[in-house]
C-alpha atoms as a PDB file:
ATOM      1  CA  UNK A   1     103.297  95.780 106.539  1.00  0.00           C
ATOM      2  CA  UNK A   2      99.458  95.622 106.276  1.00  0.00           C
ATOM      3  CA  UNK A   3      99.446  99.297 105.286  1.00  0.00           C
ATOM      4  CA  UNK A   4     102.242  98.955 102.723  1.00  0.00           C
ATOM      5  CA  UNK A   5     100.878 100.556  99.500  1.00  0.00           C
ATOM      6  CA  UNK A   6     100.266  98.254  96.566  1.00  0.00           C
ATOM      7  CA  UNK A   7     102.313 100.112  93.963  1.00  0.00           C
ATOM      8  CA  UNK A   8     103.983  98.657  90.911  1.00  0.00           C
ATOM      9  CA  UNK A   9     107.777  98.901  91.304  1.00  0.00           C
ATOM     10  CA  UNK A  10     107.963 100.177  87.730  1.00  0.00           C
ATOM     11  CA  UNK A  11     105.949 103.216  88.800  1.00  0.00           C
ATOM     12  CA  UNK A  12     108.484 103.959  91.520  1.00  0.00           C
ATOM     13  CA  UNK A  13     111.280 103.655  88.961  1.00  0.00           C
ATOM     14  CA  UNK A  14     109.417 106.155  86.809  1.00  0.00           C
ATOM     15  CA  UNK A  15     109.018 108.472  89.812  1.00  0.00           C
ATOM     16  CA  UNK A  16     112.754 108.271  90.559  1.00  0.00           C
ATOM     17  CA  UNK A  17     113.753 108.972  86.961  1.00  0.00           C
ATOM     18  CA  UNK A  18     111.386 111.941  86.668  1.00  0.00           C
ATOM     19  CA  UNK A  19     112.616 113.310  89.974  1.00  0.00           C
ATOM     20  CA  UNK A  20     116.239 113.092  88.825  1.00  0.00           C
ATOM     21  CA  UNK A  21     115.831 114.262  85.230  1.00  0.00           C
ATOM     22  CA  UNK A  22     112.741 116.502  85.272  1.00  0.00           C
ATOM     23  CA  UNK A  23     111.995 115.211  81.778  1.00  0.00           C
ATOM     24  CA  UNK A  24     109.298 112.842  80.498  1.00  0.00           C
ATOM     25  CA  UNK A  25     111.302 112.338  77.297  1.00  0.00           C
ATOM     26  CA  UNK A  26     114.511 111.341  79.091  1.00  0.00           C
ATOM     27  CA  UNK A  27     112.558 109.140  81.513  1.00  0.00           C
ATOM     28  CA  UNK A  28     110.812 107.361  78.636  1.00  0.00           C
ATOM     29  CA  UNK A  29     114.170 106.724  76.943  1.00  0.00           C
ATOM     30  CA  UNK A  30     115.767 105.507  80.180  1.00  0.00           C
ATOM     31  CA  UNK A  31     112.922 103.102  80.959  1.00  0.00           C
ATOM     32  CA  UNK A  32     112.555 102.100  77.288  1.00  0.00           C
ATOM     33  CA  UNK A  33     108.958 103.323  77.078  1.00  0.00           C
ATOM     34  CA  UNK A  34     107.088 105.397  74.542  1.00  0.00           C
ATOM     35  CA  UNK A  35     106.286 108.919  75.736  1.00  0.00           C
ATOM     36  CA  UNK A  36     102.600 107.989  75.650  1.00  0.00           C
ATOM     37  CA  UNK A  37     103.178 104.960  77.900  1.00  0.00           C
ATOM     38  CA  UNK A  38     105.302 107.092  80.206  1.00  0.00           C
ATOM     39  CA  UNK A  39     102.538 109.712  80.483  1.00  0.00           C
ATOM     40  CA  UNK A  40      99.913 107.025  81.197  1.00  0.00           C
ATOM     41  CA  UNK A  41     102.121 105.522  83.904  1.00  0.00           C
ATOM     42  CA  UNK A  42     102.531 108.934  85.521  1.00  0.00           C
ATOM     43  CA  UNK A  43      98.759 109.382  85.484  1.00  0.00           C
ATOM     44  CA  UNK A  44      98.329 106.022  87.257  1.00  0.00           C
ATOM     45  CA  UNK A  45     100.868 107.002  89.896  1.00  0.00           C
ATOM     46  CA  UNK A  46      99.189 110.359  90.450  1.00  0.00           C
ATOM     47  CA  UNK A  47      95.833 108.663  90.924  1.00  0.00           C
ATOM     48  CA  UNK A  48      97.298 106.050  93.254  1.00  0.00           C
ATOM     49  CA  UNK A  49      99.005 108.625  95.489  1.00  0.00           C
ATOM     50  CA  UNK A  50      96.432 111.390  95.191  1.00  0.00           C
ATOM     51  CA  UNK A  51      98.897 114.112  94.256  1.00  0.00           C
ATOM     52  CA  UNK A  52     100.031 115.818  91.047  1.00  0.00           C
ATOM     53  CA  UNK A  53     103.641 114.845  91.949  1.00  0.00           C
ATOM     54  CA  UNK A  54     105.207 116.856  89.097  1.00  0.00           C
ATOM     55  CA  UNK A  55     104.161 120.124  87.498  1.00  0.00           C
ATOM     56  CA  UNK A  56     105.503 121.497  84.216  1.00  0.00           C
ATOM     57  CA  UNK A  57     107.294 124.826  84.596  1.00  0.00           C
ATOM     58  CA  UNK A  58     109.406 126.261  81.775  1.00  0.00           C
ATOM     59  CA  UNK A  59     109.407 122.924  79.957  1.00  0.00           C
ATOM     60  CA  UNK A  60     110.664 121.031  83.018  1.00  0.00           C
ATOM     61  CA  UNK A  61     108.783 118.696  85.351  1.00  0.00           C
ATOM     62  CA  UNK A  62     109.318 119.989  88.876  1.00  0.00           C
ATOM     63  CA  UNK A  63     108.351 117.943  91.966  1.00  0.00           C
ATOM     64  CA  UNK A  64     105.578 119.091  94.257  1.00  0.00           C
ATOM     65  CA  UNK A  65     106.201 119.430  97.985  1.00  0.00           C
ATOM     66  CA  UNK A  66     104.651 115.973  98.484  1.00  0.00           C
ATOM     67  CA  UNK A  67     106.933 114.474  95.804  1.00  0.00           C
ATOM     68  CA  UNK A  68     109.964 116.000  97.480  1.00  0.00           C
ATOM     69  CA  UNK A  69     109.018 114.424 100.819  1.00  0.00           C
ATOM     70  CA  UNK A  70     108.324 111.121  99.094  1.00  0.00           C
ATOM     71  CA  UNK A  71     111.687 111.203  97.306  1.00  0.00           C
ATOM     72  CA  UNK A  72     113.528 111.402 100.632  1.00  0.00           C
ATOM     73  CA  UNK A  73     112.395 107.834 101.298  1.00  0.00           C
ATOM     74  CA  UNK A  74     111.868 106.368  97.832  1.00  0.00           C
ATOM     75  CA  UNK A  75     115.269 107.268  96.373  1.00  0.00           C
ATOM     76  CA  UNK A  76     117.376 105.608  99.124  1.00  0.00           C
ATOM     77  CA  UNK A  77     115.031 102.594  99.104  1.00  0.00           C
ATOM     78  CA  UNK A  78     115.464 102.074  95.364  1.00  0.00           C
ATOM     79  CA  UNK A  79     119.227 102.419  95.756  1.00  0.00           C
ATOM     80  CA  UNK A  80     119.228  99.715  98.420  1.00  0.00           C
ATOM     81  CA  UNK A  81     117.061  97.455  96.255  1.00  0.00           C
ATOM     82  CA  UNK A  82     119.456  97.926  93.366  1.00  0.00           C
ATOM     83  CA  UNK A  83     122.403  97.093  95.608  1.00  0.00           C
ATOM     84  CA  UNK A  84     120.614  93.968  96.775  1.00  0.00           C
ATOM     85  CA  UNK A  85     120.106  92.775  93.203  1.00  0.00           C
ATOM     86  CA  UNK A  86     123.733  93.571  92.367  1.00  0.00           C
ATOM     87  CA  UNK A  87     124.916  91.450  95.301  1.00  0.00           C
ATOM     88  CA  UNK A  88     123.170  88.448  93.812  1.00  0.00           C
ATOM     89  CA  UNK A  89     125.049  88.849  90.535  1.00  0.00           C
ATOM     90  CA  UNK A  90     128.704  88.284  89.738  1.00  0.00           C
ATOM     91  CA  UNK A  91     130.636  91.471  89.034  1.00  0.00           C
ATOM     92  CA  UNK A  92     132.126  91.787  85.564  1.00  0.00           C
ATOM     93  CA  UNK A  93     134.603  94.632  84.863  1.00  0.00           C
ATOM     94  CA  UNK A  94     133.922  94.196  81.144  1.00  0.00           C
ATOM     95  CA  UNK A  95     130.433  95.606  81.697  1.00  0.00           C
ATOM     96  CA  UNK A  96     129.863  99.313  82.252  1.00  0.00           C
ATOM     97  CA  UNK A  97     130.071 100.317  85.904  1.00  0.00           C
ATOM     98  CA  UNK A  98     130.248 103.736  87.518  1.00  0.00           C
ATOM     99  CA  UNK A  99     132.092 104.253  90.816  1.00  0.00           C
ATOM    100  CA  UNK A 100     131.153 107.345  92.813  1.00  0.00           C
ATOM    101  CA  UNK A 101     134.050 108.424  94.995  1.00  0.00           C
ATOM    102  CA  UNK A 102     134.007 111.422  97.337  1.00  0.00           C
ATOM    103  CA  UNK A 103     137.373 113.208  97.386  1.00  0.00           C
ATOM    104  CA  UNK A 104     139.094 116.465  98.115  1.00  0.00           C
ATOM    105  CA  UNK A 105     140.864 118.052  95.169  1.00  0.00           C
ATOM    106  CA  UNK A 106     144.193 116.777  96.519  1.00  0.00           C
ATOM    107  CA  UNK A 107     143.126 113.171  97.137  1.00  0.00           C
ATOM    108  CA  UNK A 108     141.615 112.937  93.643  1.00  0.00           C
ATOM    109  CA  UNK A 109     144.887 114.323  92.243  1.00  0.00           C
ATOM    110  CA  UNK A 110     146.769 111.579  94.094  1.00  0.00           C
ATOM    111  CA  UNK A 111     144.510 108.942  92.497  1.00  0.00           C
ATOM    112  CA  UNK A 112     145.405 109.978  88.936  1.00  0.00           C
ATOM    113  CA  UNK A 113     147.953 107.196  88.464  1.00  0.00           C
ATOM    114  CA  UNK A 114     145.377 104.597  89.488  1.00  0.00           C
ATOM    115  CA  UNK A 115     142.669 105.958  87.210  1.00  0.00           C
ATOM    116  CA  UNK A 116     145.187 105.903  84.347  1.00  0.00           C
ATOM    117  CA  UNK A 117     145.884 102.264  85.205  1.00  0.00           C
ATOM    118  CA  UNK A 118     142.166 101.450  85.084  1.00  0.00           C
ATOM    119  CA  UNK A 119     141.795 103.208  81.743  1.00  0.00           C
ATOM    120  CA  UNK A 120     144.325 100.843  80.187  1.00  0.00           C
ATOM    121  CA  UNK A 121     142.855  97.534  81.317  1.00  0.00           C
ATOM    122  CA  UNK A 122     139.214  98.239  82.161  1.00  0.00           C
ATOM    123  CA  UNK A 123     137.700 100.587  79.603  1.00  0.00           C
ATOM    124  CA  UNK A 124     134.112  99.900  80.758  1.00  0.00           C
ATOM    125  CA  UNK A 125     134.840 101.251  84.247  1.00  0.00           C
ATOM    126  CA  UNK A 126     133.936 104.889  84.877  1.00  0.00           C
ATOM    127  CA  UNK A 127     134.971 107.010  87.853  1.00  0.00           C
ATOM    128  CA  UNK A 128     132.961 109.957  89.161  1.00  0.00           C
ATOM    129  CA  UNK A 129     134.797 112.104  91.678  1.00  0.00           C
ATOM    130  CA  UNK A 130     132.440 114.107  93.903  1.00  0.00           C
ATOM    131  CA  UNK A 131     133.358 116.916  96.263  1.00  0.00           C
ATOM    132  CA  UNK A 132     133.941 115.538  99.752  1.00  0.00           C
ATOM    133  CA  UNK A 133     131.854 117.932 101.849  1.00  0.00           C
ATOM    134  CA  UNK A 134     132.619 116.260 105.176  1.00  0.00           C
ATOM    135  CA  UNK A 135     135.570 114.209 106.298  1.00  0.00           C
ATOM    136  CA  UNK A 136     133.676 110.948 106.759  1.00  0.00           C
ATOM    137  CA  UNK A 137     130.338 110.863 104.865  1.00  0.00           C
ATOM    138  CA  UNK A 138     128.990 107.769 106.633  1.00  0.00           C
ATOM    139  CA  UNK A 139     125.325 108.242 105.679  1.00  0.00           C
ATOM    140  CA  UNK A 140     126.085 108.633 101.960  1.00  0.00           C
ATOM    141  CA  UNK A 141     128.349 105.568 101.987  1.00  0.00           C
ATOM    142  CA  UNK A 142     125.671 103.507 103.727  1.00  0.00           C
ATOM    143  CA  UNK A 143     122.843 104.565 101.407  1.00  0.00           C
ATOM    144  CA  UNK A 144     124.893 103.896  98.275  1.00  0.00           C
ATOM    145  CA  UNK A 145     124.862 107.535  97.232  1.00  0.00           C
ATOM    146  CA  UNK A 146     128.646 107.117  97.391  1.00  0.00           C
ATOM    147  CA  UNK A 147     130.620 103.933  96.773  1.00  0.00           C
ATOM    148  CA  UNK A 148     133.832 105.100  98.408  1.00  0.00           C
ATOM    149  CA  UNK A 149     135.380 108.137 100.040  1.00  0.00           C
ATOM    150  CA  UNK A 150     139.000 109.164  99.853  1.00  0.00           C
ATOM    151  CA  UNK A 151     140.029 111.344 102.751  1.00  0.00           C
ATOM    152  CA  UNK A 152     142.967 111.864 105.064  1.00  0.00           C
ATOM    153  CA  UNK A 153     143.822 111.577 108.729  1.00  0.00           C
ATOM    154  CA  UNK A 154     146.701 112.541 111.009  1.00  0.00           C
ATOM    155  CA  UNK A 155     146.344 109.818 113.605  1.00  0.00           C
ATOM    156  CA  UNK A 156     145.074 106.229 113.905  1.00  0.00           C
ATOM    157  CA  UNK A 157     141.292 106.091 113.895  1.00  0.00           C
ATOM    158  CA  UNK A 158     138.539 103.532 114.180  1.00  0.00           C
ATOM    159  CA  UNK A 159     134.893 103.557 113.172  1.00  0.00           C
ATOM    160  CA  UNK A 160     132.041 101.215 113.995  1.00  0.00           C
ATOM    161  CA  UNK A 161     130.525 101.682 110.554  1.00  0.00           C
ATOM    162  CA  UNK A 162     133.430 102.275 108.152  1.00  0.00           C
ATOM    163  CA  UNK A 163     136.239 100.134 106.827  1.00  0.00           C
ATOM    164  CA  UNK A 164     139.511 101.738 105.795  1.00  0.00           C
ATOM    165  CA  UNK A 165     142.496 101.156 103.535  1.00  0.00           C
ATOM    166  CA  UNK A 166     145.512 103.413 104.091  1.00  0.00           C
ATOM    167  CA  UNK A 167     147.297 103.834 100.783  1.00  0.00           C
ATOM    168  CA  UNK A 168     149.658 106.800 101.054  1.00  0.00           C
ATOM    169  CA  UNK A 169     151.641 108.417 103.842  1.00  0.00           C
ATOM    170  CA  UNK A 170     153.544 111.667 103.486  1.00  0.00           C
ATOM    171  CA  UNK A 171     154.872 114.582 105.509  1.00  0.00           C
ATOM    172  CA  UNK A 172     154.370 118.326 105.274  1.00  0.00           C
ATOM    173  CA  UNK A 173     156.878 120.983 104.207  1.00  0.00           C
ATOM    174  CA  UNK A 174     157.055 124.761 104.154  1.00  0.00           C
ATOM    175  CA  UNK A 175     156.760 126.449 100.757  1.00  0.00           C
ATOM    176  CA  UNK A 176     157.347 130.088  99.819  1.00  0.00           C
ATOM    177  CA  UNK A 177     158.179 132.183  96.779  1.00  0.00           C
ATOM    178  CA  UNK A 178     161.825 131.520  95.816  1.00  0.00           C
ATOM    179  CA  UNK A 179     162.193 135.008  94.379  1.00  0.00           C
ATOM    180  CA  UNK A 180     161.469 136.736  97.676  1.00  0.00           C
ATOM    181  CA  UNK A 181     163.564 136.501 100.823  1.00  0.00           C
ATOM    182  CA  UNK A 182     166.564 134.382 101.717  1.00  0.00           C
ATOM    183  CA  UNK A 183     166.278 130.702 100.740  1.00  0.00           C
ATOM    184  CA  UNK A 184     166.723 127.974 103.310  1.00  0.00           C
ATOM    185  CA  UNK A 185     164.965 126.737 106.462  1.00  0.00           C
ATOM    186  CA  UNK A 186     163.229 129.169 108.782  1.00  0.00           C
ATOM    187  CA  UNK A 187     163.401 128.998 112.543  1.00  0.00           C
ATOM    188  CA  UNK A 188     160.159 129.114 114.526  1.00  0.00           C
ATOM    189  CA  UNK A 189     160.357 132.862 115.179  1.00  0.00           C
ATOM    190  CA  UNK A 190     160.858 133.614 111.483  1.00  0.00           C
ATOM    191  CA  UNK A 191     158.056 131.220 110.594  1.00  0.00           C
ATOM    192  CA  UNK A 192     155.638 133.072 112.865  1.00  0.00           C
ATOM    193  CA  UNK A 193     156.690 136.519 111.628  1.00  0.00           C
ATOM    194  CA  UNK A 194     155.319 135.724 108.162  1.00  0.00           C
ATOM    195  CA  UNK A 195     151.685 135.603 107.139  1.00  0.00           C
ATOM    196  CA  UNK A 196     150.304 132.247 106.070  1.00  0.00           C
ATOM    197  CA  UNK A 197     147.938 130.529 103.669  1.00  0.00           C
ATOM    198  CA  UNK A 198     145.510 128.193 105.433  1.00  0.00           C
ATOM    199  CA  UNK A 199     143.954 125.267 103.562  1.00  0.00           C
ATOM    200  CA  UNK A 200     140.569 124.218 104.958  1.00  0.00           C
ATOM    201  CA  UNK A 201     138.838 121.562 102.798  1.00  0.00           C
ATOM    202  CA  UNK A 202     135.752 121.592 105.027  1.00  0.00           C
ATOM    203  CA  UNK A 203     135.823 125.275 106.027  1.00  0.00           C
ATOM    204  CA  UNK A 204     137.434 124.512 109.356  1.00  0.00           C
ATOM    205  CA  UNK A 205     138.451 127.397 111.584  1.00  0.00           C
ATOM    206  CA  UNK A 206     141.979 125.982 111.841  1.00  0.00           C
ATOM    207  CA  UNK A 207     144.145 123.224 110.406  1.00  0.00           C
ATOM    208  CA  UNK A 208     146.705 120.709 111.669  1.00  0.00           C
ATOM    209  CA  UNK A 209     149.408 123.415 111.657  1.00  0.00           C
ATOM    210  CA  UNK A 210     147.380 125.615 114.012  1.00  0.00           C
ATOM    211  CA  UNK A 211     146.502 122.675 116.249  1.00  0.00           C
ATOM    212  CA  UNK A 212     150.193 121.702 116.522  1.00  0.00           C
ATOM    213  CA  UNK A 213     151.281 125.289 117.194  1.00  0.00           C
ATOM    214  CA  UNK A 214     148.642 125.644 119.908  1.00  0.00           C
ATOM    215  CA  UNK A 215     150.263 122.726 121.747  1.00  0.00           C
ATOM    216  CA  UNK A 216     153.417 124.807 122.128  1.00  0.00           C
ATOM    217  CA  UNK A 217     151.376 127.953 122.834  1.00  0.00           C
ATOM    218  CA  UNK A 218     152.068 129.611 119.535  1.00  0.00           C
ATOM    219  CA  UNK A 219     149.784 131.111 116.897  1.00  0.00           C
ATOM    220  CA  UNK A 220     150.374 132.093 113.284  1.00  0.00           C
ATOM    221  CA  UNK A 221     148.893 134.934 111.198  1.00  0.00           C
ATOM    222  CA  UNK A 222     146.480 133.900 108.431  1.00  0.00           C
ATOM    223  CA  UNK A 223     146.387 136.024 105.279  1.00  0.00           C
ATOM    224  CA  UNK A 224     144.418 133.740 102.957  1.00  0.00           C
ATOM    225  CA  UNK A 225     142.062 130.811 103.499  1.00  0.00           C
ATOM    226  CA  UNK A 226     141.219 128.410 100.674  1.00  0.00           C
ATOM    227  CA  UNK A 227     139.475 125.045 100.448  1.00  0.00           C
ATOM    228  CA  UNK A 228     141.777 123.887  97.657  1.00  0.00           C
ATOM    229  CA  UNK A 229     145.152 122.258  98.246  1.00  0.00           C
ATOM    230  CA  UNK A 230     145.845 122.328  94.502  1.00  0.00           C
ATOM    231  CA  UNK A 231     145.170 126.064  94.200  1.00  0.00           C
ATOM    232  CA  UNK A 232     147.014 127.089  97.368  1.00  0.00           C
ATOM    233  CA  UNK A 233     150.596 127.238  95.924  1.00  0.00           C
ATOM    234  CA  UNK A 234     149.483 129.813  93.356  1.00  0.00           C
ATOM    235  CA  UNK A 235     148.733 132.274  96.167  1.00  0.00           C
ATOM    236  CA  UNK A 236     152.398 132.085  97.227  1.00  0.00           C
ATOM    237  CA  UNK A 237     153.677 133.606  93.991  1.00  0.00           C
ATOM    238  CA  UNK A 238     155.041 137.158  94.310  1.00  0.00           C
ATOM    239  CA  UNK A 239     154.250 137.307  98.033  1.00  0.00           C
ATOM    240  CA  UNK A 240     156.004 136.730 101.354  1.00  0.00           C
ATOM    241  CA  UNK A 241     153.284 134.292 102.406  1.00  0.00           C
ATOM    242  CA  UNK A 242     154.174 130.849 103.713  1.00  0.00           C
ATOM    243  CA  UNK A 243     152.264 127.688 102.873  1.00  0.00           C
ATOM    244  CA  UNK A 244     152.400 124.350 104.633  1.00  0.00           C
ATOM    245  CA  UNK A 245     151.482 121.630 102.176  1.00  0.00           C
ATOM    246  CA  UNK A 246     152.101 117.938 101.412  1.00  0.00           C
ATOM    247  CA  UNK A 247     155.665 117.210 100.325  1.00  0.00           C
ATOM    248  CA  UNK A 248     154.350 115.086  97.446  1.00  0.00           C
ATOM    249  CA  UNK A 249     152.522 118.031  95.872  1.00  0.00           C
ATOM    250  CA  UNK A 250     155.168 120.615  96.783  1.00  0.00           C
ATOM    251  CA  UNK A 251     157.768 118.665  94.791  1.00  0.00           C
ATOM    252  CA  UNK A 252     155.437 118.537  91.802  1.00  0.00           C
ATOM    253  CA  UNK A 253     154.863 122.306  91.830  1.00  0.00           C
ATOM    254  CA  UNK A 254     158.327 123.476  92.920  1.00  0.00           C
ATOM    255  CA  UNK A 255     159.843 124.133  89.516  1.00  0.00           C
ATOM    256  CA  UNK A 256     156.640 125.297  87.817  1.00  0.00           C
ATOM    257  CA  UNK A 257     155.880 127.962  90.437  1.00  0.00           C
ATOM    258  CA  UNK A 258     159.463 128.605  91.575  1.00  0.00           C
ATOM    259  CA  UNK A 259     158.843 127.552  95.141  1.00  0.00           C
ATOM    260  CA  UNK A 260     161.437 127.376  97.862  1.00  0.00           C
ATOM    261  CA  UNK A 261     160.764 124.259  99.945  1.00  0.00           C
ATOM    262  CA  UNK A 262     162.149 123.651 103.424  1.00  0.00           C
ATOM    263  CA  UNK A 263     161.425 121.584 106.552  1.00  0.00           C
ATOM    264  CA  UNK A 264     159.043 122.944 109.154  1.00  0.00           C
ATOM    265  CA  UNK A 265     160.602 124.394 112.328  1.00  0.00           C
ATOM    266  CA  UNK A 266     158.326 122.410 114.649  1.00  0.00           C
ATOM    267  CA  UNK A 267     156.910 118.904 114.860  1.00  0.00           C
ATOM    268  CA  UNK A 268     153.924 118.155 112.669  1.00  0.00           C
ATOM    269  CA  UNK A 269     152.344 114.687 112.302  1.00  0.00           C
ATOM    270  CA  UNK A 270     152.406 112.941 108.939  1.00  0.00           C
ATOM    271  CA  UNK A 271     149.144 112.597 107.079  1.00  0.00           C
ATOM    272  CA  UNK A 272     147.634 109.448 105.617  1.00  0.00           C
ATOM    273  CA  UNK A 273     145.335 109.145 102.631  1.00  0.00           C
ATOM    274  CA  UNK A 274     142.616 106.571 103.299  1.00  0.00           C
ATOM    275  CA  UNK A 275     139.997 104.862 101.206  1.00  0.00           C
ATOM    276  CA  UNK A 276     136.741 104.378 103.160  1.00  0.00           C
ATOM    277  CA  UNK A 277     133.673 102.222 102.506  1.00  0.00           C
ATOM    278  CA  UNK A 278     130.708 101.188 104.636  1.00  0.00           C
ATOM    279  CA  UNK A 279     130.755  97.914 106.536  1.00  0.00           C
ATOM    280  CA  UNK A 280     127.263  97.036 105.335  1.00  0.00           C
ATOM    281  CA  UNK A 281     128.695  96.782 101.808  1.00  0.00           C
ATOM    282  CA  UNK A 282     131.753  94.683 102.627  1.00  0.00           C
ATOM    283  CA  UNK A 283     130.410  91.788 100.520  1.00  0.00           C
ATOM    284  CA  UNK A 284     129.413  93.948  97.557  1.00  0.00           C
ATOM    285  CA  UNK A 285     131.190  92.364  94.531  1.00  0.00           C
ATOM    286  CA  UNK A 286     131.565  95.771  92.926  1.00  0.00           C
ATOM    287  CA  UNK A 287     133.446  97.214  95.896  1.00  0.00           C
ATOM    288  CA  UNK A 288     135.435  94.032  96.450  1.00  0.00           C
ATOM    289  CA  UNK A 289     136.708  94.213  92.882  1.00  0.00           C
ATOM    290  CA  UNK A 290     137.649  97.906  93.124  1.00  0.00           C
ATOM    291  CA  UNK A 291     139.451  97.542  96.452  1.00  0.00           C
ATOM    292  CA  UNK A 292     141.377  94.502  95.230  1.00  0.00           C
ATOM    293  CA  UNK A 293     142.474  96.390  92.122  1.00  0.00           C
ATOM    294  CA  UNK A 294     143.477  99.362  94.243  1.00  0.00           C
ATOM    295  CA  UNK A 295     145.458  97.239  96.701  1.00  0.00           C
ATOM    296  CA  UNK A 296     147.305  95.445  93.907  1.00  0.00           C
ATOM    297  CA  UNK A 297     148.152  98.755  92.266  1.00  0.00           C
ATOM    298  CA  UNK A 298     149.588 100.415  95.377  1.00  0.00           C
ATOM    299  CA  UNK A 299     151.587  97.262  96.182  1.00  0.00           C
ATOM    300  CA  UNK A 300     153.059  97.215  92.680  1.00  0.00           C
ATOM    301  CA  UNK A 301     153.838 100.936  92.602  1.00  0.00           C
ATOM    302  CA  UNK A 302     154.890 101.209  96.253  1.00  0.00           C
ATOM    303  CA  UNK A 303     152.942 104.422  96.846  1.00  0.00           C
ATOM    304  CA  UNK A 304     152.417 104.054 100.595  1.00  0.00           C
ATOM    305  CA  UNK A 305     155.665 105.178 102.265  1.00  0.00           C
ATOM    306  CA  UNK A 306     156.536 108.787 101.417  1.00  0.00           C
ATOM    307  CA  UNK A 307     158.513 109.884 104.440  1.00  0.00           C
END
């Protein structure tokens, strides 16, 4: 601690804003400073750290290599400080709050009813859905970069660092173009004779269907791979391809895309949609409020059991 630099916190806030926006004008407006005061503050920070920090290129302030390395530590630290101050204050849903939630396209689609519910009673609450790039983004949840993550699992799981709320359970079905082939269930041999559409939200080499088939020493043929559950049914149209997808979404798209839906000819585990948050934030009033609202909503609408 003896070597901790004596830097005004306001200068670090200025650094963070410039790093995020690349604009002195926007930073001055955000921090409620004149552009002259903002420029003077940047000069002080440059002198204190002995680096230019930001250089103007094509009317944008771009960070130097030193500023980029500094940001790796300063940005998470400021986030944690902000969280600490928020913990000391009561949460009010009448004030503007932004919740950052990592989702797949399908899990965000499943949350539409809840976001509509929030829009009716809590107009100051904003939701930002971000692409879930890994199944359990523990580091981002811990740092506060994310508030929550909405993902799915096929079996009970436990984590030393994450807490979980299971809010929907559903099974998978087989979908195909209703205008091609004979309608009705397929047996396993027929299922394997067709080519398939594989959904891989995280660019996996195989999905739960392939894992389950491997257990009975079977393998399917993949014609198309896509990261999007919501887009996948559109690839079925006018083809003989088969698609295994959540029953909840298949029902929604059946009439619109003229899908033929049938049970799968082998055993496949149900999936669960889970809401995750980091254990270090279990007393965060902001998260407590959101989770309570979410729990009340799913209890009232009975969205969990979809067998």
